[in-house]
Amino acid sequence: MAVNAKGGKYFYAWSKILPDGSFYLPEQALQEYHISPDSNIILMTGRNTNRGFSVVCKELVANSPLATVFASLPQLQQFSIPEGETITFKGRTFCWVYLNQNRCFTLPLSTWKEFGLKSGDQLLSLRATHLAFNNLSEGPYIEQAKQIRDILVCS
């Protein structure tokens, strides 16, 4: 169950990076951002995010501030680089992955490391912008979420 938290933040769920590099995304976040299972998705680090990533709604990028960034990365938009291989551009790390029917994707552990993460890390999925939702392992929202008992745990 997603939770409205103090300060207007909206927390979807906790998910853990499993030993094989797989990670589940919360159904409610995917629905809100119009991201369908059984499709390719784009992950990126934020400007101020050292440990985590955002899931980008590719269809909303065209008329956004990210449009120029993505225009410079056609191989990412066209999914022509290998799945899970990262590209760094203007201080951000990007990759694409296949999101299966179970709302799960798998990254090599070396790619998780490039996002500042490792197997066993627990991440909080939360609403970020109209373009993407975040999955973070540290920061003030994490401490706030740890105090809330009603947040769904994906597995």
N, C-alpha and C. Protein backbone atom coordinates (compact mmCIF):
# COMPACT_ATOMS: atom_id res chain seq x y z
N MET A 1 0.84 -1.18 0.00
CA MET A 1 0.00 0.00 0.00
C MET A 1 0.88 1.23 0.00
N ALA A 2 0.65 2.14 -0.93
CA ALA A 2 1.39 3.39 -0.99
C ALA A 2 0.94 4.30 0.15
N VAL A 3 1.86 5.16 0.58
CA VAL A 3 1.60 6.00 1.74
C VAL A 3 1.92 7.45 1.42
N ASN A 4 1.01 8.34 1.77
CA ASN A 4 1.30 9.77 1.74
C ASN A 4 2.06 10.10 3.01
N ALA A 5 3.24 10.67 2.86
CA ALA A 5 4.08 10.94 4.02
C ALA A 5 4.15 12.44 4.29
N LYS A 6 4.65 12.76 5.45
CA LYS A 6 4.84 14.14 5.86
C LYS A 6 5.66 14.89 4.81
N GLY A 7 5.28 16.11 4.52
CA GLY A 7 6.00 16.90 3.52
C GLY A 7 5.50 16.67 2.11
N GLY A 8 4.41 15.90 1.97
CA GLY A 8 3.81 15.70 0.65
C GLY A 8 4.45 14.60 -0.18
N LYS A 9 5.41 13.86 0.38
CA LYS A 9 6.02 12.77 -0.38
C LYS A 9 5.09 11.57 -0.42
N TYR A 10 5.21 10.81 -1.50
CA TYR A 10 4.36 9.65 -1.72
C TYR A 10 5.26 8.44 -1.88
N PHE A 11 5.20 7.54 -0.92
CA PHE A 11 6.04 6.35 -0.91
C PHE A 11 5.24 5.16 -1.44
N TYR A 12 5.78 4.46 -2.45
CA TYR A 12 5.09 3.31 -3.03
C TYR A 12 5.39 2.01 -2.28
N ALA A 13 6.68 1.68 -2.18
CA ALA A 13 7.03 0.37 -1.61
C ALA A 13 8.53 0.28 -1.39
N TRP A 14 8.92 -0.71 -0.59
CA TRP A 14 10.31 -1.11 -0.43
C TRP A 14 10.56 -2.30 -1.35
N SER A 15 11.74 -2.34 -1.97
CA SER A 15 12.18 -3.51 -2.74
C SER A 15 13.65 -3.75 -2.46
N LYS A 16 14.04 -5.00 -2.53
CA LYS A 16 15.43 -5.37 -2.25
C LYS A 16 16.08 -5.89 -3.51
N ILE A 17 17.35 -5.53 -3.72
CA ILE A 17 18.13 -6.11 -4.82
C ILE A 17 18.49 -7.53 -4.40
N LEU A 18 18.02 -8.49 -5.17
CA LEU A 18 18.24 -9.90 -4.84
C LEU A 18 19.64 -10.35 -5.27
N PRO A 19 20.13 -11.46 -4.73
CA PRO A 19 21.50 -11.92 -5.05
C PRO A 19 21.78 -12.09 -6.53
N ASP A 20 20.75 -12.42 -7.33
CA ASP A 20 20.97 -12.59 -8.77
C ASP A 20 20.89 -11.27 -9.54
N GLY A 21 20.73 -10.12 -8.82
CA GLY A 21 20.65 -8.82 -9.48
C GLY A 21 19.25 -8.42 -9.87
N SER A 22 18.25 -9.20 -9.50
CA SER A 22 16.88 -8.86 -9.87
C SER A 22 16.28 -7.88 -8.86
N PHE A 23 15.27 -7.15 -9.35
CA PHE A 23 14.65 -6.09 -8.55
C PHE A 23 13.20 -5.93 -9.00
N TYR A 24 12.28 -5.84 -8.06
CA TYR A 24 10.85 -5.69 -8.35
C TYR A 24 10.43 -4.24 -8.23
N LEU A 25 9.61 -3.80 -9.16
CA LEU A 25 9.05 -2.45 -9.12
C LEU A 25 7.60 -2.53 -8.67
N PRO A 26 7.16 -1.57 -7.86
CA PRO A 26 5.79 -1.62 -7.36
C PRO A 26 4.76 -1.35 -8.46
N GLU A 27 3.71 -2.16 -8.43
CA GLU A 27 2.66 -2.06 -9.45
C GLU A 27 2.03 -0.67 -9.50
N GLN A 28 1.78 -0.07 -8.35
CA GLN A 28 1.13 1.23 -8.32
C GLN A 28 1.97 2.31 -9.00
N ALA A 29 3.28 2.28 -8.81
CA ALA A 29 4.16 3.25 -9.47
C ALA A 29 4.13 3.06 -10.98
N LEU A 30 4.20 1.82 -11.42
CA LEU A 30 4.17 1.54 -12.86
C LEU A 30 2.85 2.02 -13.48
N GLN A 31 1.75 1.79 -12.80
CA GLN A 31 0.46 2.24 -13.31
C GLN A 31 0.41 3.76 -13.40
N GLU A 32 0.85 4.43 -12.35
CA GLU A 32 0.81 5.89 -12.33
C GLU A 32 1.64 6.50 -13.45
N TYR A 33 2.77 5.87 -13.76
CA TYR A 33 3.67 6.40 -14.79
C TYR A 33 3.43 5.75 -16.15
N HIS A 34 2.36 4.99 -16.28
CA HIS A 34 1.96 4.37 -17.55
C HIS A 34 3.08 3.52 -18.15
N ILE A 35 3.73 2.74 -17.28
CA ILE A 35 4.79 1.83 -17.70
C ILE A 35 4.23 0.41 -17.61
N SER A 36 4.27 -0.29 -18.72
CA SER A 36 3.70 -1.63 -18.78
C SER A 36 4.76 -2.70 -18.54
N PRO A 37 4.40 -3.73 -17.77
CA PRO A 37 5.29 -4.90 -17.72
C PRO A 37 5.43 -5.47 -19.13
N ASP A 38 6.43 -6.27 -19.33
CA ASP A 38 6.73 -6.85 -20.64
C ASP A 38 7.14 -5.75 -21.63
N SER A 39 7.99 -4.83 -21.14
CA SER A 39 8.48 -3.74 -21.99
C SER A 39 9.88 -3.32 -21.53
N ASN A 40 10.55 -2.56 -22.35
CA ASN A 40 11.86 -2.00 -22.00
C ASN A 40 11.65 -0.70 -21.23
N ILE A 41 12.47 -0.50 -20.21
CA ILE A 41 12.42 0.74 -19.44
C ILE A 41 13.81 1.33 -19.33
N ILE A 42 13.87 2.61 -19.04
CA ILE A 42 15.14 3.33 -18.90
C ILE A 42 15.35 3.69 -17.44
N LEU A 43 16.56 3.41 -16.97
CA LEU A 43 16.97 3.78 -15.62
C LEU A 43 18.02 4.86 -15.71
N MET A 44 18.00 5.80 -14.76
CA MET A 44 19.04 6.83 -14.74
C MET A 44 19.29 7.28 -13.31
N THR A 45 20.50 7.73 -13.06
CA THR A 45 20.80 8.33 -11.77
C THR A 45 20.32 9.77 -11.80
N GLY A 46 20.05 10.30 -10.62
CA GLY A 46 19.69 11.71 -10.52
C GLY A 46 20.93 12.56 -10.36
N ARG A 47 20.75 13.86 -10.44
CA ARG A 47 21.89 14.76 -10.26
C ARG A 47 22.48 14.63 -8.87
N ASN A 48 21.62 14.48 -7.89
CA ASN A 48 22.08 14.46 -6.49
C ASN A 48 21.91 13.08 -5.85
N THR A 49 21.75 12.06 -6.66
CA THR A 49 21.52 10.72 -6.14
C THR A 49 22.78 9.88 -6.29
N ASN A 50 23.38 9.53 -5.16
CA ASN A 50 24.57 8.70 -5.20
C ASN A 50 24.24 7.22 -5.10
N ARG A 51 23.10 6.92 -4.50
CA ARG A 51 22.75 5.52 -4.28
C ARG A 51 21.29 5.31 -4.64
N GLY A 52 21.07 5.04 -5.92
CA GLY A 52 19.72 4.80 -6.39
C GLY A 52 19.57 5.14 -7.86
N PHE A 53 18.31 5.11 -8.30
CA PHE A 53 18.03 5.37 -9.71
C PHE A 53 16.59 5.82 -9.86
N SER A 54 16.32 6.40 -11.01
CA SER A 54 14.96 6.76 -11.39
C SER A 54 14.53 5.87 -12.54
N VAL A 55 13.25 5.53 -12.58
CA VAL A 55 12.64 4.83 -13.70
C VAL A 55 11.94 5.89 -14.52
N VAL A 56 12.38 6.05 -15.77
CA VAL A 56 11.90 7.13 -16.62
C VAL A 56 10.72 6.66 -17.48
N CYS A 57 9.71 7.48 -17.56
CA CYS A 57 8.61 7.23 -18.49
C CYS A 57 9.02 7.83 -19.83
N LYS A 58 9.55 7.01 -20.70
CA LYS A 58 10.13 7.45 -21.97
C LYS A 58 9.16 8.28 -22.81
N GLU A 59 7.87 7.95 -22.76
CA GLU A 59 6.89 8.65 -23.58
C GLU A 59 6.69 10.10 -23.16
N LEU A 60 7.07 10.45 -21.94
CA LEU A 60 6.89 11.83 -21.46
C LEU A 60 8.12 12.71 -21.65
N VAL A 61 9.22 12.12 -22.09
CA VAL A 61 10.48 12.86 -22.20
C VAL A 61 10.46 13.92 -23.30
N ALA A 62 9.75 13.67 -24.39
CA ALA A 62 9.81 14.53 -25.58
C ALA A 62 9.61 16.02 -25.28
N ASN A 63 8.71 16.39 -24.43
CA ASN A 63 8.44 17.80 -24.15
C ASN A 63 8.92 18.21 -22.77
N SER A 64 10.05 17.67 -22.37
CA SER A 64 10.55 17.94 -21.03
C SER A 64 11.99 18.46 -21.07
N PRO A 65 12.51 18.91 -19.94
CA PRO A 65 13.92 19.33 -19.90
C PRO A 65 14.89 18.20 -20.22
N LEU A 66 14.45 16.94 -20.08
CA LEU A 66 15.33 15.81 -20.42
C LEU A 66 15.39 15.53 -21.91
N ALA A 67 14.58 16.20 -22.70
CA ALA A 67 14.53 15.92 -24.14
C ALA A 67 15.90 16.09 -24.80
N THR A 68 16.63 17.14 -24.45
CA THR A 68 17.94 17.35 -25.08
C THR A 68 18.94 16.28 -24.64
N VAL A 69 18.83 15.84 -23.40
CA VAL A 69 19.72 14.77 -22.93
C VAL A 69 19.46 13.50 -23.73
N PHE A 70 18.19 13.12 -23.84
CA PHE A 70 17.85 11.89 -24.55
C PHE A 70 18.11 12.01 -26.05
N ALA A 71 18.00 13.21 -26.61
CA ALA A 71 18.32 13.39 -28.02
C ALA A 71 19.80 13.10 -28.29
N SER A 72 20.62 13.33 -27.28
CA SER A 72 22.06 13.05 -27.40
C SER A 72 22.40 11.58 -27.18
N LEU A 73 21.41 10.78 -26.80
CA LEU A 73 21.63 9.37 -26.50
C LEU A 73 20.69 8.49 -27.32
N PRO A 74 20.74 8.57 -28.66
CA PRO A 74 19.80 7.78 -29.46
C PRO A 74 19.94 6.28 -29.24
N GLN A 75 21.15 5.81 -28.95
CA GLN A 75 21.35 4.38 -28.73
C GLN A 75 20.60 3.90 -27.48
N LEU A 76 20.37 4.80 -26.54
CA LEU A 76 19.58 4.45 -25.35
C LEU A 76 18.09 4.41 -25.70
N GLN A 77 17.62 5.43 -26.37
CA GLN A 77 16.21 5.50 -26.75
C GLN A 77 15.80 4.36 -27.68
N GLN A 78 16.72 3.93 -28.53
CA GLN A 78 16.42 2.87 -29.49
C GLN A 78 16.79 1.48 -28.95
N PHE A 79 17.28 1.45 -27.72
CA PHE A 79 17.66 0.20 -27.07
C PHE A 79 18.67 -0.58 -27.92
N SER A 80 19.60 0.15 -28.55
CA SER A 80 20.56 -0.50 -29.43
C SER A 80 21.86 -0.87 -28.72
N ILE A 81 22.04 -0.44 -27.48
CA ILE A 81 23.19 -0.91 -26.69
C ILE A 81 22.73 -2.15 -25.93
N PRO A 82 23.65 -2.98 -25.47
CA PRO A 82 23.23 -4.18 -24.73
C PRO A 82 22.45 -3.83 -23.46
N GLU A 83 21.48 -4.64 -23.15
CA GLU A 83 20.68 -4.45 -21.94
C GLU A 83 21.59 -4.42 -20.71
N GLY A 84 21.37 -3.43 -19.85
CA GLY A 84 22.14 -3.31 -18.62
C GLY A 84 23.49 -2.63 -18.78
N GLU A 85 23.90 -2.34 -20.00
CA GLU A 85 25.16 -1.62 -20.22
C GLU A 85 24.91 -0.14 -19.98
N THR A 86 25.79 0.51 -19.23
CA THR A 86 25.56 1.91 -18.87
C THR A 86 26.23 2.87 -19.85
N ILE A 87 25.63 4.05 -19.90
CA ILE A 87 26.17 5.20 -20.63
C ILE A 87 26.18 6.34 -19.63
N THR A 88 27.27 7.08 -19.57
CA THR A 88 27.33 8.26 -18.71
C THR A 88 27.30 9.49 -19.59
N PHE A 89 26.43 10.43 -19.22
CA PHE A 89 26.27 11.66 -19.99
C PHE A 89 25.91 12.78 -19.02
N LYS A 90 26.71 13.85 -19.05
CA LYS A 90 26.48 15.03 -18.21
C LYS A 90 26.30 14.65 -16.74
N GLY A 91 27.16 13.76 -16.27
CA GLY A 91 27.17 13.40 -14.87
C GLY A 91 26.10 12.41 -14.43
N ARG A 92 25.30 11.91 -15.37
CA ARG A 92 24.28 10.93 -15.04
C ARG A 92 24.61 9.60 -15.71
N THR A 93 24.20 8.53 -15.06
CA THR A 93 24.38 7.19 -15.61
C THR A 93 23.02 6.68 -16.07
N PHE A 94 23.00 6.09 -17.27
CA PHE A 94 21.77 5.59 -17.87
C PHE A 94 21.97 4.14 -18.31
N CYS A 95 20.88 3.37 -18.33
CA CYS A 95 20.86 2.08 -18.99
C CYS A 95 19.40 1.72 -19.26
N TRP A 96 19.22 0.67 -20.03
CA TRP A 96 17.85 0.17 -20.23
C TRP A 96 17.81 -1.28 -19.80
N VAL A 97 16.62 -1.71 -19.40
CA VAL A 97 16.39 -3.09 -19.00
C VAL A 97 15.01 -3.53 -19.46
N TYR A 98 14.83 -4.82 -19.53
CA TYR A 98 13.54 -5.40 -19.86
C TYR A 98 12.79 -5.65 -18.55
N LEU A 99 11.59 -5.11 -18.44
CA LEU A 99 10.72 -5.32 -17.29
C LEU A 99 9.78 -6.47 -17.63
N ASN A 100 9.90 -7.58 -16.91
CA ASN A 100 9.09 -8.75 -17.26
C ASN A 100 7.65 -8.64 -16.72
N GLN A 101 6.85 -9.66 -16.99
CA GLN A 101 5.44 -9.66 -16.60
C GLN A 101 5.25 -9.57 -15.08
N ASN A 102 6.24 -10.00 -14.34
CA ASN A 102 6.16 -9.98 -12.88
C ASN A 102 6.65 -8.66 -12.28
N ARG A 103 6.87 -7.65 -13.13
CA ARG A 103 7.35 -6.32 -12.72
C ARG A 103 8.78 -6.38 -12.16
N CYS A 104 9.56 -7.26 -12.71
CA CYS A 104 10.92 -7.49 -12.25
C CYS A 104 11.90 -7.30 -13.40
N PHE A 105 13.06 -6.74 -13.10
CA PHE A 105 14.15 -6.70 -14.08
C PHE A 105 15.42 -7.16 -13.38
N THR A 106 16.41 -7.52 -14.18
CA THR A 106 17.68 -7.99 -13.64
C THR A 106 18.83 -7.21 -14.26
N LEU A 107 19.73 -6.75 -13.40
CA LEU A 107 20.96 -6.08 -13.84
C LEU A 107 22.16 -6.87 -13.36
N PRO A 108 23.25 -6.84 -14.13
CA PRO A 108 24.49 -7.44 -13.63
C PRO A 108 24.91 -6.69 -12.35
N LEU A 109 25.54 -7.39 -11.42
CA LEU A 109 25.97 -6.74 -10.18
C LEU A 109 26.94 -5.60 -10.44
N SER A 110 27.71 -5.68 -11.53
CA SER A 110 28.62 -4.59 -11.87
C SER A 110 27.85 -3.32 -12.26
N THR A 111 26.69 -3.48 -12.89
CA THR A 111 25.86 -2.32 -13.23
C THR A 111 25.23 -1.74 -11.97
N TRP A 112 24.77 -2.59 -11.07
CA TRP A 112 24.24 -2.08 -9.80
C TRP A 112 25.29 -1.21 -9.11
N LYS A 113 26.54 -1.66 -9.16
CA LYS A 113 27.62 -0.90 -8.51
C LYS A 113 27.75 0.49 -9.13
N GLU A 114 27.54 0.61 -10.45
CA GLU A 114 27.61 1.92 -11.10
C GLU A 114 26.49 2.85 -10.64
N PHE A 115 25.40 2.27 -10.14
CA PHE A 115 24.31 3.06 -9.57
C PHE A 115 24.50 3.25 -8.06
N GLY A 116 25.67 2.83 -7.55
CA GLY A 116 25.98 2.99 -6.13
C GLY A 116 25.29 1.97 -5.24
N LEU A 117 24.92 0.83 -5.82
CA LEU A 117 24.12 -0.17 -5.10
C LEU A 117 24.76 -1.55 -5.18
N LYS A 118 24.24 -2.46 -4.35
CA LYS A 118 24.74 -3.83 -4.35
C LYS A 118 23.63 -4.78 -3.93
N SER A 119 23.84 -6.05 -4.15
CA SER A 119 22.90 -7.08 -3.74
C SER A 119 22.62 -6.93 -2.25
N GLY A 120 21.34 -7.05 -1.89
CA GLY A 120 20.93 -6.92 -0.49
C GLY A 120 20.46 -5.53 -0.12
N ASP A 121 20.80 -4.52 -0.92
CA ASP A 121 20.34 -3.16 -0.62
C ASP A 121 18.82 -3.09 -0.74
N GLN A 122 18.20 -2.43 0.21
CA GLN A 122 16.76 -2.20 0.18
C GLN A 122 16.52 -0.77 -0.28
N LEU A 123 15.67 -0.62 -1.28
CA LEU A 123 15.38 0.70 -1.84
C LEU A 123 13.92 1.06 -1.64
N LEU A 124 13.69 2.34 -1.47
CA LEU A 124 12.35 2.88 -1.34
C LEU A 124 11.94 3.48 -2.68
N SER A 125 10.80 3.02 -3.21
CA SER A 125 10.24 3.61 -4.43
C SER A 125 9.33 4.76 -4.01
N LEU A 126 9.57 5.93 -4.60
CA LEU A 126 8.77 7.09 -4.26
C LEU A 126 8.53 7.97 -5.47
N ARG A 127 7.42 8.69 -5.44
CA ARG A 127 7.09 9.62 -6.52
C ARG A 127 8.14 10.71 -6.55
N ALA A 128 8.60 11.04 -7.75
CA ALA A 128 9.62 12.08 -7.89
C ALA A 128 9.05 13.25 -8.71
N THR A 129 9.02 13.08 -10.02
CA THR A 129 8.51 14.12 -10.91
C THR A 129 7.45 13.50 -11.79
N HIS A 130 6.91 14.29 -12.71
CA HIS A 130 5.93 13.72 -13.65
C HIS A 130 6.61 12.82 -14.68
N LEU A 131 7.94 12.82 -14.74
CA LEU A 131 8.68 12.03 -15.72
C LEU A 131 9.20 10.69 -15.19
N ALA A 132 9.38 10.61 -13.88
CA ALA A 132 10.06 9.44 -13.33
C ALA A 132 9.72 9.25 -11.86
N PHE A 133 9.89 8.00 -11.40
CA PHE A 133 9.83 7.75 -9.96
C PHE A 133 11.19 7.23 -9.51
N ASN A 134 11.53 7.56 -8.27
CA ASN A 134 12.84 7.23 -7.72
C ASN A 134 12.82 5.93 -6.94
N ASN A 135 13.99 5.32 -6.87
CA ASN A 135 14.25 4.14 -6.05
C ASN A 135 15.57 4.41 -5.34
N LEU A 136 15.49 4.74 -4.05
CA LEU A 136 16.65 5.24 -3.32
C LEU A 136 16.97 4.36 -2.11
N SER A 137 18.25 4.31 -1.77
CA SER A 137 18.67 3.51 -0.62
C SER A 137 19.13 4.36 0.56
N GLU A 138 19.26 5.65 0.36
CA GLU A 138 19.68 6.50 1.47
C GLU A 138 19.14 7.91 1.28
N GLY A 139 19.16 8.67 2.37
CA GLY A 139 18.70 10.05 2.32
C GLY A 139 17.58 10.29 3.32
N PRO A 140 17.15 11.53 3.43
CA PRO A 140 16.14 11.89 4.44
C PRO A 140 14.80 11.17 4.27
N TYR A 141 14.41 10.88 3.04
CA TYR A 141 13.14 10.19 2.83
C TYR A 141 13.21 8.74 3.32
N ILE A 142 14.39 8.15 3.27
CA ILE A 142 14.56 6.78 3.74
C ILE A 142 14.32 6.73 5.24
N GLU A 143 14.93 7.67 5.95
CA GLU A 143 14.75 7.71 7.40
C GLU A 143 13.29 7.94 7.77
N GLN A 144 12.62 8.81 7.02
CA GLN A 144 11.20 9.07 7.25
C GLN A 144 10.38 7.80 7.00
N ALA A 145 10.66 7.12 5.90
CA ALA A 145 9.90 5.93 5.54
C ALA A 145 10.09 4.80 6.54
N LYS A 146 11.26 4.70 7.14
CA LYS A 146 11.52 3.65 8.11
C LYS A 146 10.61 3.77 9.34
N GLN A 147 10.06 4.96 9.55
CA GLN A 147 9.16 5.17 10.69
C GLN A 147 7.72 4.80 10.38
N ILE A 148 7.43 4.50 9.10
CA ILE A 148 6.06 4.21 8.66
C ILE A 148 5.92 2.70 8.46
N ARG A 149 4.95 2.10 9.10
CA ARG A 149 4.80 0.65 9.06
C ARG A 149 3.94 0.16 7.89
N ASP A 150 3.17 1.01 7.27
CA ASP A 150 2.20 0.57 6.26
C ASP A 150 2.74 0.52 4.83
N ILE A 151 4.01 0.72 4.64
CA ILE A 151 4.57 0.71 3.28
C ILE A 151 4.75 -0.73 2.82
N LEU A 152 4.23 -1.01 1.62
CA LEU A 152 4.32 -2.33 1.01
C LEU A 152 5.78 -2.75 0.85
N VAL A 153 6.04 -4.04 0.99
CA VAL A 153 7.36 -4.60 0.71
C VAL A 153 7.21 -5.53 -0.48
N CYS A 154 7.87 -5.20 -1.59
CA CYS A 154 7.81 -6.04 -2.80
C CYS A 154 8.82 -7.18 -2.67
N SER A 155 8.47 -8.32 -3.22
CA SER A 155 9.44 -9.43 -3.25
C SER A 155 9.13 -10.35 -4.39
